[in-house]
Amino acid sequence: MSTEVVAVGEALRELAERLNLPWAPTHPPQGLALIATAQGVALAGPPVDYGKPLVADFVLGKADHRRRFGGGRGQLIARACGLSKGVTPRVVDATAGLGRDAFVLAGLGAEVLMVERSPAIFALLEDALDRARSDDEVQSIVARLRLAHADSGRELARVVSEAGFDPQVVHLDPMFPHRSKSALVKKEMRLFRALAGDDDDAPQLLEAALAVATHRVVVKRPRQAPPIDGPKPAHVIEGKTSRYDLYVHRALKT
């Protein structure tokens, strides 16, 4: 076993015990558990059901590709969150997931507070941040990222207050409750759904976001999905497969 994996294993034990999560020295034959890999702490289950272990990463892979080739402030998420010339709002990503959207926003200069309610996904994010802080190319970006473990639908106002973070924008990407089996083809999504489940409390999440955002709430949805139950979006920005519903309190200005 490499020195890198041994070091990750030591961090894994501490992380799992602190968050009261299952962990294993190797790939578990059943169930889900945190494991140590050369890429960092990962979440793994039986490969036939879940495929490769799930890792959050701000240095390599999808994060690196979007940082280099994502399209800057012309990206859909940047436009939706109001990033434009001279305007860089403070953003709460209240459904952080693997942190990919938050990392894009931070890479464009935004201060971002990530909030994640799943303990296992939070553990992956915490490990990813720790690793990225020692990387010369991205350490300045992750310095603009903060992380909190909480249920945004019930605790968003408290988390924002305790962090001393005054968000102009709240970004939401609630898990859409797909009903067709074809929607679960990707094994990574199967694993993610096993942890996060469907966000049946999306209306409560939207209400909490509207209560703390000073300027706008941005909700990512599948392009053909209905809006979240509640207030009608003021604007909609559509892409090829997804869209952003915008709930605007007031305009963002330079």
Protein backbone atom coordinates (compact mmCIF):
# COMPACT_ATOMS: atom_id res chain seq x y z
CA MET A 1 0.00 0.00 0.00
CA SER A 2 1.38 3.42 -1.00
CA THR A 3 2.35 6.12 1.48
CA GLU A 4 -0.41 8.32 0.03
CA VAL A 5 -3.10 5.72 0.73
CA VAL A 6 -1.78 5.13 4.28
CA ALA A 7 -1.97 8.88 4.95
CA VAL A 8 -5.50 9.03 3.58
CA GLY A 9 -6.42 6.00 5.70
CA GLU A 10 -5.37 7.76 8.89
CA ALA A 11 -7.42 10.82 7.95
CA LEU A 12 -10.31 8.54 7.00
CA ARG A 13 -10.56 6.95 10.44
CA GLU A 14 -10.68 10.34 12.18
CA LEU A 15 -13.22 11.72 9.70
CA ALA A 16 -15.52 8.69 9.87
CA GLU A 17 -15.47 8.55 13.67
CA ARG A 18 -16.17 12.29 13.98
CA LEU A 19 -19.19 12.07 11.66
CA ASN A 20 -20.30 8.63 12.93
CA LEU A 21 -20.01 7.08 9.47
CA PRO A 22 -19.10 3.52 8.45
CA TRP A 23 -15.63 3.06 7.01
CA ALA A 24 -13.63 0.13 5.67
CA PRO A 25 -9.98 -0.53 4.85
CA THR A 26 -10.95 -1.74 1.36
CA HIS A 27 -13.92 -1.80 -0.99
CA PRO A 28 -16.94 -3.09 1.04
CA PRO A 29 -18.69 -6.22 -0.33
CA GLN A 30 -22.07 -4.83 0.71
CA GLY A 31 -23.55 -1.55 1.88
CA LEU A 32 -21.82 1.82 1.58
CA ALA A 33 -18.70 2.91 3.47
CA LEU A 34 -15.91 5.47 3.33
CA ILE A 35 -12.65 4.03 2.05
CA ALA A 36 -9.12 5.34 1.44
CA THR A 37 -7.88 5.67 -2.14
CA ALA A 38 -4.90 7.32 -3.78
CA GLN A 39 -7.29 10.07 -4.94
CA GLY A 40 -8.52 10.76 -1.42
CA VAL A 41 -11.37 9.67 0.83
CA ALA A 42 -14.08 7.98 -1.22
CA LEU A 43 -17.50 6.48 -0.73
CA ALA A 44 -17.85 2.96 -2.09
CA GLY A 45 -20.38 0.18 -2.40
CA PRO A 46 -20.59 -3.06 -4.41
CA PRO A 47 -19.23 -2.22 -7.89
CA VAL A 48 -22.00 -4.13 -9.64
CA ASP A 49 -24.52 -1.74 -8.07
CA TYR A 50 -22.60 1.52 -7.73
CA GLY A 51 -19.58 1.35 -10.02
CA LYS A 52 -16.41 3.19 -9.04
CA PRO A 53 -15.97 4.79 -5.60
CA LEU A 54 -17.29 8.35 -5.39
CA VAL A 55 -14.71 11.06 -4.70
CA ALA A 56 -15.08 14.85 -4.48
CA ASP A 57 -12.18 16.55 -6.23
CA PHE A 58 -11.38 20.21 -6.87
CA VAL A 59 -8.00 19.56 -8.51
CA LEU A 60 -8.52 16.91 -11.21
CA GLY A 61 -11.30 15.50 -13.37
CA LYS A 62 -14.49 17.43 -14.05
CA ALA A 63 -13.54 20.34 -11.80
CA ASP A 64 -10.24 20.84 -13.63
CA HIS A 65 -11.94 20.65 -17.04
CA ARG A 66 -14.60 23.20 -16.14
CA ARG A 67 -12.00 25.52 -14.63
CA ARG A 68 -9.97 25.47 -17.83
CA PHE A 69 -12.66 25.27 -20.50
CA GLY A 70 -15.97 26.13 -18.83
CA GLY A 71 -16.59 29.44 -20.56
CA GLY A 72 -16.06 31.97 -17.78
CA ARG A 73 -18.92 34.25 -16.80
CA GLY A 74 -20.83 33.25 -19.89
CA GLN A 75 -21.70 29.92 -18.29
CA LEU A 76 -25.35 29.31 -17.51
CA ILE A 77 -24.78 29.11 -13.77
CA ALA A 78 -22.73 32.31 -13.74
CA ARG A 79 -25.43 34.22 -15.63
CA ALA A 80 -28.14 32.81 -13.37
CA CYS A 81 -26.27 33.79 -10.20
CA GLY A 82 -25.68 37.29 -11.55
CA LEU A 83 -21.92 37.19 -12.08
CA SER A 84 -21.13 39.83 -14.67
CA LYS A 85 -18.55 42.52 -15.29
CA GLY A 86 -18.00 44.30 -12.01
CA VAL A 87 -20.57 42.15 -10.15
CA THR A 88 -19.44 39.21 -8.00
CA PRO A 89 -22.11 38.35 -5.45
CA ARG A 90 -21.74 36.30 -2.28
CA VAL A 91 -23.43 32.95 -2.84
CA VAL A 92 -24.75 30.19 -0.61
CA ASP A 93 -24.85 26.85 -2.40
CA ALA A 94 -27.50 25.35 -0.15
CA THR A 95 -27.47 21.90 -1.83
CA ALA A 96 -23.72 21.56 -2.30
CA GLY A 97 -23.51 17.96 -3.49
CA LEU A 98 -19.96 17.29 -4.70
CA GLY A 99 -19.24 21.01 -4.82
CA ARG A 100 -18.85 21.28 -8.58
CA ASP A 101 -21.13 24.30 -9.04
CA ALA A 102 -19.68 26.02 -5.98
CA PHE A 103 -16.18 25.52 -7.34
CA VAL A 104 -17.16 27.08 -10.68
CA LEU A 105 -18.54 30.14 -8.91
CA ALA A 106 -15.49 30.43 -6.65
CA GLY A 107 -13.26 30.12 -9.72
CA LEU A 108 -15.03 33.18 -11.13
CA GLY A 109 -14.31 35.15 -7.97
CA ALA A 110 -17.40 34.57 -5.81
CA GLU A 111 -17.27 33.89 -2.08
CA VAL A 112 -19.32 30.71 -1.62
CA LEU A 113 -20.70 28.99 1.47
CA MET A 114 -21.47 25.34 0.69
CA VAL A 115 -24.13 23.66 2.81
CA GLU A 116 -24.56 19.88 2.63
CA ARG A 117 -26.90 17.77 4.74
CA SER A 118 -25.64 14.25 3.95
CA PRO A 119 -22.85 13.36 6.41
CA ALA A 120 -21.12 11.11 3.86
CA ILE A 121 -21.14 13.72 1.09
CA PHE A 122 -20.02 16.35 3.59
CA ALA A 123 -17.08 14.07 4.46
CA LEU A 124 -16.07 13.86 0.78
CA LEU A 125 -16.26 17.65 0.45
CA GLU A 126 -14.21 18.25 3.57
CA ASP A 127 -11.50 15.89 2.33
CA ALA A 128 -11.53 17.49 -1.13
CA LEU A 129 -11.06 20.95 0.36
CA ASP A 130 -8.17 19.75 2.52
CA ARG A 131 -6.40 18.27 -0.50
CA ALA A 132 -7.04 21.29 -2.73
CA ARG A 133 -5.57 23.75 -0.22
CA SER A 134 -2.10 22.34 -0.94
CA ASP A 135 -2.42 22.57 -4.73
CA ASP A 136 -0.78 25.67 -6.19
CA GLU A 137 -3.24 26.02 -9.06
CA VAL A 138 -6.50 25.91 -7.09
CA GLN A 139 -5.64 26.96 -3.53
CA SER A 140 -6.64 30.56 -4.24
CA ILE A 141 -10.01 29.34 -5.52
CA VAL A 142 -10.82 27.03 -2.59
CA ALA A 143 -9.85 29.88 -0.24
CA ARG A 144 -13.16 31.43 -1.35
CA LEU A 145 -15.08 28.27 -0.38
CA ARG A 146 -16.53 27.55 3.05
CA LEU A 147 -18.37 24.42 4.12
CA ALA A 148 -21.12 23.70 6.63
CA HIS A 149 -22.91 20.48 7.53
CA ALA A 150 -26.63 21.19 7.94
CA ASP A 151 -30.09 20.65 6.46
CA SER A 152 -30.72 23.85 4.50
CA GLY A 153 -34.48 23.36 4.51
CA ARG A 154 -34.55 23.63 8.31
CA GLU A 155 -31.30 25.32 9.33
CA LEU A 156 -30.23 27.70 6.57
CA ALA A 157 -30.89 30.90 8.50
CA ARG A 158 -28.92 29.61 11.50
CA VAL A 159 -25.99 28.44 9.39
CA VAL A 160 -25.76 31.75 7.55
CA SER A 161 -25.94 33.70 10.81
CA GLU A 162 -23.33 31.59 12.58
CA ALA A 163 -20.98 31.85 9.58
CA GLY A 164 -21.35 35.63 9.50
CA PHE A 165 -22.16 35.23 5.82
CA ASP A 166 -24.58 37.70 4.24
CA PRO A 167 -25.64 36.00 0.98
CA GLN A 168 -26.87 38.03 -1.94
CA VAL A 169 -27.67 34.84 -3.86
CA VAL A 170 -28.76 31.36 -2.79
CA HIS A 171 -28.22 28.58 -5.32
CA LEU A 172 -30.37 25.43 -5.12
CA ASP A 173 -30.04 22.22 -7.09
CA PRO A 174 -32.50 19.89 -5.37
CA MET A 175 -32.56 16.26 -6.45
CA PHE A 176 -35.40 15.86 -8.92
CA PRO A 177 -37.53 12.75 -8.20
CA HIS A 178 -37.07 10.85 -11.47
CA ARG A 179 -39.53 8.01 -11.90
CA SER A 180 -38.12 6.16 -14.94
CA LYS A 181 -35.46 3.49 -14.59
CA SER A 182 -33.54 5.02 -17.51
CA ALA A 183 -32.86 8.08 -15.37
CA LEU A 184 -30.76 5.96 -13.03
CA VAL A 185 -28.42 4.48 -15.62
CA LYS A 186 -25.34 6.28 -14.31
CA LYS A 187 -24.02 4.32 -11.36
CA GLU A 188 -22.59 7.48 -9.78
CA MET A 189 -26.13 8.86 -9.64
CA ARG A 190 -27.39 5.63 -8.04
CA LEU A 191 -24.83 6.00 -5.29
CA PHE A 192 -25.61 9.68 -4.86
CA ARG A 193 -29.34 9.04 -4.63
CA ALA A 194 -28.75 6.28 -2.09
CA LEU A 195 -27.22 8.95 0.14
CA ALA A 196 -29.21 12.06 -0.62
CA GLY A 197 -32.55 10.65 -1.71
CA ASP A 198 -35.09 12.79 -3.54
CA ASP A 199 -35.54 16.30 -2.16
CA ASP A 200 -39.24 15.98 -1.32
CA ASP A 201 -38.88 19.04 0.89
CA ALA A 202 -37.95 21.29 -2.07
CA PRO A 203 -40.77 23.81 -1.34
CA GLN A 204 -39.48 24.18 2.23
CA LEU A 205 -35.96 24.56 0.86
CA LEU A 206 -37.08 27.32 -1.51
CA GLU A 207 -38.88 29.11 1.32
CA ALA A 208 -35.76 29.00 3.49
CA ALA A 209 -33.62 30.29 0.63
CA LEU A 210 -35.97 33.19 -0.08
CA ALA A 211 -35.79 34.18 3.58
CA VAL A 212 -32.00 34.61 3.60
CA ALA A 213 -31.05 35.75 0.07
CA THR A 214 -30.91 39.52 -0.14
CA HIS A 215 -31.13 39.68 -3.95
CA ARG A 216 -32.10 36.41 -5.64
CA VAL A 217 -32.62 32.67 -5.35
CA VAL A 218 -31.49 30.52 -8.27
CA VAL A 219 -32.97 27.04 -8.72
CA LYS A 220 -31.52 24.52 -11.19
CA ARG A 221 -34.12 22.20 -12.73
CA PRO A 222 -34.30 19.68 -15.58
CA ARG A 223 -35.44 21.69 -18.61
CA GLN A 224 -38.88 20.06 -18.85
CA ALA A 225 -39.53 19.75 -15.09
CA PRO A 226 -42.17 21.87 -13.38
CA PRO A 227 -41.04 24.66 -11.06
CA ILE A 228 -40.87 23.99 -7.35
CA ASP A 229 -44.26 24.45 -5.68
CA GLY A 230 -44.49 27.97 -4.33
CA PRO A 231 -43.93 31.45 -5.76
CA LYS A 232 -43.67 31.79 -9.51
CA PRO A 233 -40.13 32.42 -10.85
CA ALA A 234 -39.54 35.97 -12.06
CA HIS A 235 -37.21 34.85 -14.86
CA VAL A 236 -36.06 31.62 -16.48
CA ILE A 237 -32.70 30.94 -18.16
CA GLU A 238 -32.78 27.81 -20.32
CA GLY A 239 -30.00 25.53 -21.53
CA LYS A 240 -30.11 22.38 -23.63
CA THR A 241 -30.90 19.95 -20.80
CA SER A 242 -31.48 22.15 -17.76
CA ARG A 243 -32.75 25.57 -16.81
CA TYR A 244 -32.48 28.05 -13.97
CA ASP A 245 -35.56 29.49 -12.30
CA LEU A 246 -34.81 32.92 -10.82
CA TYR A 247 -36.67 34.36 -7.84
CA VAL A 248 -35.61 38.00 -7.64
CA HIS A 249 -35.84 40.31 -4.64
CA ARG A 250 -33.83 43.11 -6.24
CA ALA A 251 -31.20 43.62 -8.92
CA LEU A 252 -27.52 42.98 -8.37
CA LYS A 253 -25.46 46.09 -9.02
CA THR A 254 -21.81 47.04 -9.31
